[in-house]
Every structure is written in structure tokens, then in C-alpha cells.
PDB file of N, CA and C in Angstrom:
ATOM      1  N   MET A   1     -68.723  17.733  21.840  1.00  0.00           N
ATOM      2  CA  MET A   1     -68.534  16.298  21.796  1.00  0.00           C
ATOM      3  C   MET A   1     -67.316  16.000  20.871  1.00  0.00           C
ATOM      4  N   PRO A   2     -66.406  15.162  21.291  1.00  0.00           N
ATOM      5  CA  PRO A   2     -65.231  14.863  20.452  1.00  0.00           C
ATOM      6  C   PRO A   2     -65.606  14.173  19.153  1.00  0.00           C
ATOM      7  N   ARG A   3     -64.750  14.382  18.159  1.00  0.00           N
ATOM      8  CA  ARG A   3     -64.923  13.743  16.852  1.00  0.00           C
ATOM      9  C   ARG A   3     -63.791  12.760  16.680  1.00  0.00           C
ATOM     10  N   TYR A   4     -64.121  11.544  16.301  1.00  0.00           N
ATOM     11  CA  TYR A   4     -63.130  10.474  16.125  1.00  0.00           C
ATOM     12  C   TYR A   4     -63.121  10.044  14.656  1.00  0.00           C
ATOM     13  N   GLU A   5     -61.945   9.702  14.161  1.00  0.00           N
ATOM     14  CA  GLU A   5     -61.806   9.288  12.786  1.00  0.00           C
ATOM     15  C   GLU A   5     -61.551   7.765  12.749  1.00  0.00           C
ATOM     16  N   TYR A   6     -62.203   7.109  11.826  1.00  0.00           N
ATOM     17  CA  TYR A   6     -62.101   5.658  11.673  1.00  0.00           C
ATOM     18  C   TYR A   6     -61.787   5.316  10.222  1.00  0.00           C
ATOM     19  N   ARG A   7     -61.204   4.139  10.036  1.00  0.00           N
ATOM     20  CA  ARG A   7     -60.953   3.611   8.684  1.00  0.00           C
ATOM     21  C   ARG A   7     -61.563   2.225   8.585  1.00  0.00           C
ATOM     22  N   CYS A   8     -62.229   1.977   7.484  1.00  0.00           N
ATOM     23  CA  CYS A   8     -62.847   0.677   7.231  1.00  0.00           C
ATOM     24  C   CYS A   8     -61.802  -0.235   6.603  1.00  0.00           C
ATOM     25  N   ARG A   9     -61.602  -1.388   7.182  1.00  0.00           N
ATOM     26  CA  ARG A   9     -60.633  -2.336   6.651  1.00  0.00           C
ATOM     27  C   ARG A   9     -61.181  -3.050   5.410  1.00  0.00           C
ATOM     28  N   SER A  10     -62.492  -3.103   5.277  1.00  0.00           N
ATOM     29  CA  SER A  10     -63.108  -3.794   4.141  1.00  0.00           C
ATOM     30  C   SER A  10     -63.033  -2.976   2.844  1.00  0.00           C
ATOM     31  N   CYS A  11     -63.437  -1.696   2.932  1.00  0.00           N
ATOM     32  CA  CYS A  11     -63.452  -0.888   1.712  1.00  0.00           C
ATOM     33  C   CYS A  11     -62.403   0.202   1.670  1.00  0.00           C
ATOM     34  N   GLY A  12     -61.703   0.455   2.793  1.00  0.00           N
ATOM     35  CA  GLY A  12     -60.627   1.445   2.828  1.00  0.00           C
ATOM     36  C   GLY A  12     -61.062   2.870   3.033  1.00  0.00           C
ATOM     37  N   SER A  13     -62.340   3.116   3.165  1.00  0.00           N
ATOM     38  CA  SER A  13     -62.808   4.511   3.345  1.00  0.00           C
ATOM     39  C   SER A  13     -62.535   4.965   4.763  1.00  0.00           C
ATOM     40  N   THR A  14     -62.399   6.282   4.915  1.00  0.00           N
ATOM     41  CA  THR A  14     -62.263   6.874   6.250  1.00  0.00           C
ATOM     42  C   THR A  14     -63.527   7.686   6.518  1.00  0.00           C
ATOM     43  N   PHE A  15     -63.905   7.748   7.804  1.00  0.00           N
ATOM     44  CA  PHE A  15     -65.102   8.491   8.189  1.00  0.00           C
ATOM     45  C   PHE A  15     -64.933   8.975   9.603  1.00  0.00           C
ATOM     46  N   GLU A  16     -65.729   9.954   9.983  1.00  0.00           N
ATOM     47  CA  GLU A  16     -65.666  10.533  11.313  1.00  0.00           C
ATOM     48  C   GLU A  16     -66.999  10.344  12.039  1.00  0.00           C
ATOM     49  N   LEU A  17     -66.902  10.212  13.339  1.00  0.00           N
ATOM     50  CA  LEU A  17     -68.094  10.096  14.176  1.00  0.00           C
ATOM     51  C   LEU A  17     -67.950  11.030  15.378  1.00  0.00           C
ATOM     52  N   ASN A  18     -69.022  11.734  15.725  1.00  0.00           N
ATOM     53  CA  ASN A  18     -69.078  12.481  16.962  1.00  0.00           C
ATOM     54  C   ASN A  18     -69.673  11.566  18.003  1.00  0.00           C
ATOM     55  N   ARG A  19     -68.924  11.344  19.065  1.00  0.00           N
ATOM     56  CA  ARG A  19     -69.419  10.478  20.117  1.00  0.00           C
ATOM     57  C   ARG A  19     -68.759  10.826  21.431  1.00  0.00           C
ATOM     58  N   PRO A  20     -69.391  10.501  22.557  1.00  0.00           N
ATOM     59  CA  PRO A  20     -68.796  10.782  23.851  1.00  0.00           C
ATOM     60  C   PRO A  20     -67.463  10.045  24.030  1.00  0.00           C
ATOM     61  N   MET A  21     -66.583  10.603  24.850  1.00  0.00           N
ATOM     62  CA  MET A  21     -65.288   9.968  25.083  1.00  0.00           C
ATOM     63  C   MET A  21     -65.439   8.564  25.620  1.00  0.00           C
ATOM     64  N   ALA A  22     -66.473   8.336  26.410  1.00  0.00           N
ATOM     65  CA  ALA A  22     -66.710   7.005  26.991  1.00  0.00           C
ATOM     66  C   ALA A  22     -66.970   5.963  25.906  1.00  0.00           C
ATOM     67  N   GLU A  23     -67.391   6.409  24.712  1.00  0.00           N
ATOM     68  CA  GLU A  23     -67.694   5.488  23.634  1.00  0.00           C
ATOM     69  C   GLU A  23     -66.625   5.503  22.533  1.00  0.00           C
ATOM     70  N   SER A  24     -65.482   6.116  22.789  1.00  0.00           N
ATOM     71  CA  SER A  24     -64.449   6.252  21.759  1.00  0.00           C
ATOM     72  C   SER A  24     -63.901   4.899  21.270  1.00  0.00           C
ATOM     73  N   SER A  25     -63.876   3.915  22.111  1.00  0.00           N
ATOM     74  CA  SER A  25     -63.358   2.609  21.723  1.00  0.00           C
ATOM     75  C   SER A  25     -64.449   1.615  21.312  1.00  0.00           C
ATOM     76  N   ALA A  26     -65.680   2.070  21.336  1.00  0.00           N
ATOM     77  CA  ALA A  26     -66.797   1.177  20.947  1.00  0.00           C
ATOM     78  C   ALA A  26     -66.703   0.903  19.435  1.00  0.00           C
ATOM     79  N   PRO A  27     -67.184  -0.240  18.988  1.00  0.00           N
ATOM     80  CA  PRO A  27     -67.151  -0.565  17.555  1.00  0.00           C
ATOM     81  C   PRO A  27     -67.917   0.487  16.758  1.00  0.00           C
ATOM     82  N   ALA A  28     -67.412   0.759  15.562  1.00  0.00           N
ATOM     83  CA  ALA A  28     -68.042   1.717  14.672  1.00  0.00           C
ATOM     84  C   ALA A  28     -68.285   1.045  13.307  1.00  0.00           C
ATOM     85  N   THR A  29     -69.454   1.247  12.744  1.00  0.00           N
ATOM     86  CA  THR A  29     -69.778   0.697  11.447  1.00  0.00           C
ATOM     87  C   THR A  29     -69.567   1.784  10.394  1.00  0.00           C
ATOM     88  N   CYS A  30     -68.899   1.450   9.287  1.00  0.00           N
ATOM     89  CA  CYS A  30     -68.637   2.440   8.234  1.00  0.00           C
ATOM     90  C   CYS A  30     -69.946   2.778   7.549  1.00  0.00           C
ATOM     91  N   PRO A  31     -69.982   3.919   6.845  1.00  0.00           N
ATOM     92  CA  PRO A  31     -71.204   4.344   6.158  1.00  0.00           C
ATOM     93  C   PRO A  31     -71.713   3.323   5.131  1.00  0.00           C
ATOM     94  N   ASP A  32     -70.828   2.435   4.618  1.00  0.00           N
ATOM     95  CA  ASP A  32     -71.265   1.404   3.675  1.00  0.00           C
ATOM     96  C   ASP A  32     -71.757   0.142   4.366  1.00  0.00           C
ATOM     97  N   GLY A  33     -71.767   0.139   5.721  1.00  0.00           N
ATOM     98  CA  GLY A  33     -72.309  -0.988   6.460  1.00  0.00           C
ATOM     99  C   GLY A  33     -71.281  -2.020   6.924  1.00  0.00           C
ATOM    100  N   HIS A  34     -70.006  -1.825   6.602  1.00  0.00           N
ATOM    101  CA  HIS A  34     -68.980  -2.775   7.049  1.00  0.00           C
ATOM    102  C   HIS A  34     -68.669  -2.562   8.538  1.00  0.00           C
ATOM    103  N   GLU A  35     -68.413  -3.678   9.230  1.00  0.00           N
ATOM    104  CA  GLU A  35     -68.152  -3.578  10.666  1.00  0.00           C
ATOM    105  C   GLU A  35     -66.687  -3.698  11.014  1.00  0.00           C
ATOM    106  N   ASP A  36     -65.829  -4.053  10.057  1.00  0.00           N
ATOM    107  CA  ASP A  36     -64.390  -4.221  10.322  1.00  0.00           C
ATOM    108  C   ASP A  36     -63.692  -2.862  10.209  1.00  0.00           C
ATOM    109  N   THR A  37     -63.755  -2.077  11.267  1.00  0.00           N
ATOM    110  CA  THR A  37     -63.173  -0.746  11.264  1.00  0.00           C
ATOM    111  C   THR A  37     -62.149  -0.587  12.386  1.00  0.00           C
ATOM    112  N   VAL A  38     -61.284   0.414  12.243  1.00  0.00           N
ATOM    113  CA  VAL A  38     -60.276   0.696  13.225  1.00  0.00           C
ATOM    114  C   VAL A  38     -60.249   2.214  13.466  1.00  0.00           C
ATOM    115  N   LYS A  39     -60.098   2.598  14.742  1.00  0.00           N
ATOM    116  CA  LYS A  39     -60.034   3.995  15.083  1.00  0.00           C
ATOM    117  C   LYS A  39     -58.623   4.506  14.756  1.00  0.00           C
ATOM    118  N   LEU A  40     -58.540   5.662  14.077  1.00  0.00           N
ATOM    119  CA  LEU A  40     -57.267   6.230  13.690  1.00  0.00           C
ATOM    120  C   LEU A  40     -56.755   7.172  14.783  1.00  0.00           C
ATOM    121  N   LEU A  41     -55.462   7.283  14.860  1.00  0.00           N
ATOM    122  CA  LEU A  41     -54.838   8.223  15.788  1.00  0.00           C
ATOM    123  C   LEU A  41     -54.870   9.595  15.138  1.00  0.00           C
ATOM    124  N   SER A  42     -55.572  10.480  15.740  1.00  0.00           N
ATOM    125  CA  SER A  42     -55.716  11.845  15.194  1.00  0.00           C
ATOM    126  C   SER A  42     -54.743  12.767  15.848  1.00  0.00           C
ATOM    127  N   THR A  43     -54.316  13.759  15.089  1.00  0.00           N
ATOM    128  CA  THR A  43     -53.452  14.806  15.656  1.00  0.00           C
ATOM    129  C   THR A  43     -54.253  16.090  15.721  1.00  0.00           C
ATOM    130  N   VAL A  44     -53.838  16.927  16.617  1.00  0.00           N
ATOM    131  CA  VAL A  44     -54.513  18.209  16.765  1.00  0.00           C
ATOM    132  C   VAL A  44     -53.564  19.282  16.266  1.00  0.00           C
ATOM    133  N   ALA A  45     -54.083  20.125  15.386  1.00  0.00           N
ATOM    134  CA  ALA A  45     -53.278  21.228  14.872  1.00  0.00           C
ATOM    135  C   ALA A  45     -53.811  22.510  15.511  1.00  0.00           C
ATOM    136  N   VAL A  46     -52.929  23.238  16.139  1.00  0.00           N
ATOM    137  CA  VAL A  46     -53.305  24.504  16.737  1.00  0.00           C
ATOM    138  C   VAL A  46     -52.527  25.586  16.029  1.00  0.00           C
ATOM    139  N   GLY A  47     -53.229  26.522  15.498  1.00  0.00           N
ATOM    140  CA  GLY A  47     -52.579  27.626  14.782  1.00  0.00           C
ATOM    141  C   GLY A  47     -52.835  28.932  15.470  1.00  0.00           C
ATOM    142  N   GLY A  48     -52.078  29.914  15.080  1.00  0.00           N
ATOM    143  CA  GLY A  48     -52.262  31.225  15.648  1.00  0.00           C
ATOM    144  C   GLY A  48     -50.988  32.021  15.538  1.00  0.00           C
ATOM    145  N   THR A  49     -51.065  33.232  15.989  1.00  0.00           N
ATOM    146  CA  THR A  49     -49.886  34.079  15.970  1.00  0.00           C
ATOM    147  C   THR A  49     -49.664  34.621  17.379  1.00  0.00           C
ATOM    148  N   ALA A  50     -48.459  34.904  17.655  1.00  0.00           N
ATOM    149  CA  ALA A  50     -48.114  35.483  18.954  1.00  0.00           C
ATOM    150  C   ALA A  50     -47.292  36.749  18.702  1.00  0.00           C
ATOM    151  N   ALA A  51     -47.595  37.756  19.437  1.00  0.00           N
ATOM    152  CA  ALA A  51     -46.858  39.006  19.292  1.00  0.00           C
ATOM    153  C   ALA A  51     -45.544  38.885  20.055  1.00  0.00           C
ATOM    154  N   ALA A  52     -44.526  39.586  19.554  1.00  0.00           N
ATOM    155  CA  ALA A  52     -43.231  39.622  20.256  1.00  0.00           C
ATOM    156  C   ALA A  52     -43.419  40.377  21.563  1.00  0.00           C
ATOM    157  N   PRO A  53     -42.698  39.979  22.607  1.00  0.00           N
ATOM    158  CA  PRO A  53     -42.827  40.672  23.891  1.00  0.00           C
ATOM    159  C   PRO A  53     -42.413  42.120  23.750  1.00  0.00           C
ATOM    160  N   ALA A  54     -43.091  42.969  24.490  1.00  0.00           N
ATOM    161  CA  ALA A  54     -42.739  44.396  24.450  1.00  0.00           C
ATOM    162  C   ALA A  54     -41.388  44.631  25.107  1.00  0.00           C
ATOM    163  N   GLN A  55     -40.645  45.563  24.544  1.00  0.00           N
ATOM    164  CA  GLN A  55     -39.343  45.881  25.108  1.00  0.00           C
ATOM    165  C   GLN A  55     -39.526  46.780  26.326  1.00  0.00           C
ATOM    166  N   ALA A  56     -38.624  46.639  27.282  1.00  0.00           N
ATOM    167  CA  ALA A  56     -38.643  47.464  28.484  1.00  0.00           C
ATOM    168  C   ALA A  56     -38.278  48.891  28.110  1.00  0.00           C
ATOM    169  N   PRO A  57     -38.768  49.853  28.866  1.00  0.00           N
ATOM    170  CA  PRO A  57     -38.387  51.264  28.599  1.00  0.00           C
ATOM    171  C   PRO A  57     -36.882  51.428  28.636  1.00  0.00           C
ATOM    172  N   GLY A  58     -36.331  52.219  27.737  1.00  0.00           N
ATOM    173  CA  GLY A  58     -34.907  52.468  27.718  1.00  0.00           C
ATOM    174  C   GLY A  58     -34.164  51.479  26.848  1.00  0.00           C
ATOM    175  N   GLY A  59     -34.841  50.736  25.984  1.00  0.00           N
ATOM    176  CA  GLY A  59     -34.177  49.859  25.035  1.00  0.00           C
ATOM    177  C   GLY A  59     -34.166  48.392  25.440  1.00  0.00           C
ATOM    178  N   GLY A  60     -34.512  48.069  26.680  1.00  0.00           N
ATOM    179  CA  GLY A  60     -34.592  46.682  27.101  1.00  0.00           C
ATOM    180  C   GLY A  60     -33.252  45.965  27.143  1.00  0.00           C
ATOM    181  N   ALA A  61     -32.200  46.631  27.620  1.00  0.00           N
ATOM    182  CA  ALA A  61     -30.893  46.013  27.644  1.00  0.00           C
ATOM    183  C   ALA A  61     -30.650  45.127  28.830  1.00  0.00           C
ATOM    184  N   GLY A  62     -31.568  45.086  29.782  1.00  0.00           N
ATOM    185  CA  GLY A  62     -31.375  44.289  30.984  1.00  0.00           C
ATOM    186  C   GLY A  62     -31.598  42.826  30.712  1.00  0.00           C
ATOM    187  N   GLY A  63     -31.098  41.979  31.629  1.00  0.00           N
ATOM    188  CA  GLY A  63     -31.270  40.531  31.481  1.00  0.00           C
ATOM    189  C   GLY A  63     -32.685  40.118  31.861  1.00  0.00           C
ATOM    190  N   GLY A  64     -33.170  39.085  31.228  1.00  0.00           N
ATOM    191  CA  GLY A  64     -34.554  38.636  31.472  1.00  0.00           C
ATOM    192  C   GLY A  64     -34.695  37.739  32.674  1.00  0.00           C
ATOM    193  N   CYS A  65     -33.620  37.117  33.119  1.00  0.00           N
ATOM    194  CA  CYS A  65     -33.759  36.103  34.173  1.00  0.00           C
ATOM    195  C   CYS A  65     -34.034  36.713  35.544  1.00  0.00           C
ATOM    196  N   CYS A  66     -33.591  37.939  35.745  1.00  0.00           N
ATOM    197  CA  CYS A  66     -33.807  38.556  37.059  1.00  0.00           C
ATOM    198  C   CYS A  66     -34.421  39.933  36.931  1.00  0.00           C
ATOM    199  N   GLY A  67     -35.127  40.161  35.853  1.00  0.00           N
ATOM    200  CA  GLY A  67     -35.807  41.436  35.675  1.00  0.00           C
ATOM    201  C   GLY A  67     -34.887  42.570  35.300  1.00  0.00           C
ATOM    202  N   GLY A  68     -33.686  42.294  34.864  1.00  0.00           N
ATOM    203  CA  GLY A  68     -32.785  43.363  34.435  1.00  0.00           C
ATOM    204  C   GLY A  68     -31.943  43.978  35.545  1.00  0.00           C
ATOM    205  N   GLY A  69     -32.023  43.432  36.744  1.00  0.00           N
ATOM    206  CA  GLY A  69     -31.300  44.022  37.863  1.00  0.00           C
ATOM    207  C   GLY A  69     -29.830  43.678  37.881  1.00  0.00           C
ATOM    208  N   CYS A  70     -29.526  42.426  38.206  1.00  0.00           N
ATOM    209  CA  CYS A  70     -28.135  42.043  38.428  1.00  0.00           C
ATOM    210  C   CYS A  70     -27.513  41.267  37.267  1.00  0.00           C
ATOM    211  N   CYS A  71     -28.296  40.859  36.283  1.00  0.00           N
ATOM    212  CA  CYS A  71     -27.774  40.053  35.190  1.00  0.00           C
ATOM    213  C   CYS A  71     -27.264  40.895  34.030  1.00  0.00           C
ATOM    214  N   GLY A  72     -27.658  42.127  33.972  1.00  0.00           N
ATOM    215  CA  GLY A  72     -27.448  43.040  32.869  1.00  0.00           C
ATOM    216  C   GLY A  72     -26.232  42.846  32.102  1.00  0.00           C
TER     217      GLY A  72
END
């Protein structure tokens, strides 16, 4: 279930709610009971590492656009 972040306009606190996407725009009450809240735009951070592509046998001197045949 997606997690949405909200900010309370009354007290300034931020909080998160897990709710279905269909309810993402529904009003949310802050943990202190205030109803004047706004949904924040969240960003997604994706981390990881990627290995460098393996070199072709023989040093990999060929061109990549056509498999090393005619671009070399």
C-alpha cells in the first residue's frame, strides 16, 4: 500500500499515512487532531550500483552501434 506524506497547516507537523491510491486525495487529519492538512509531493529515491559492461573478447575495440562489424 502506498505511503503518502502530509503537512498540517495548523501546527506545521508532517506525518505519513498508508492508504490506497484511490484515497490519496481524501482529507487527512494530523495526529494532533487538526483537519487543515495538505498532501506533500514526495520524491522517490532509487539507489544501487551497476556493473560496467563486460568487454568483448580481444579488447573490445569494435563499435557498439553495430556490434563491432562495420563501425570499428
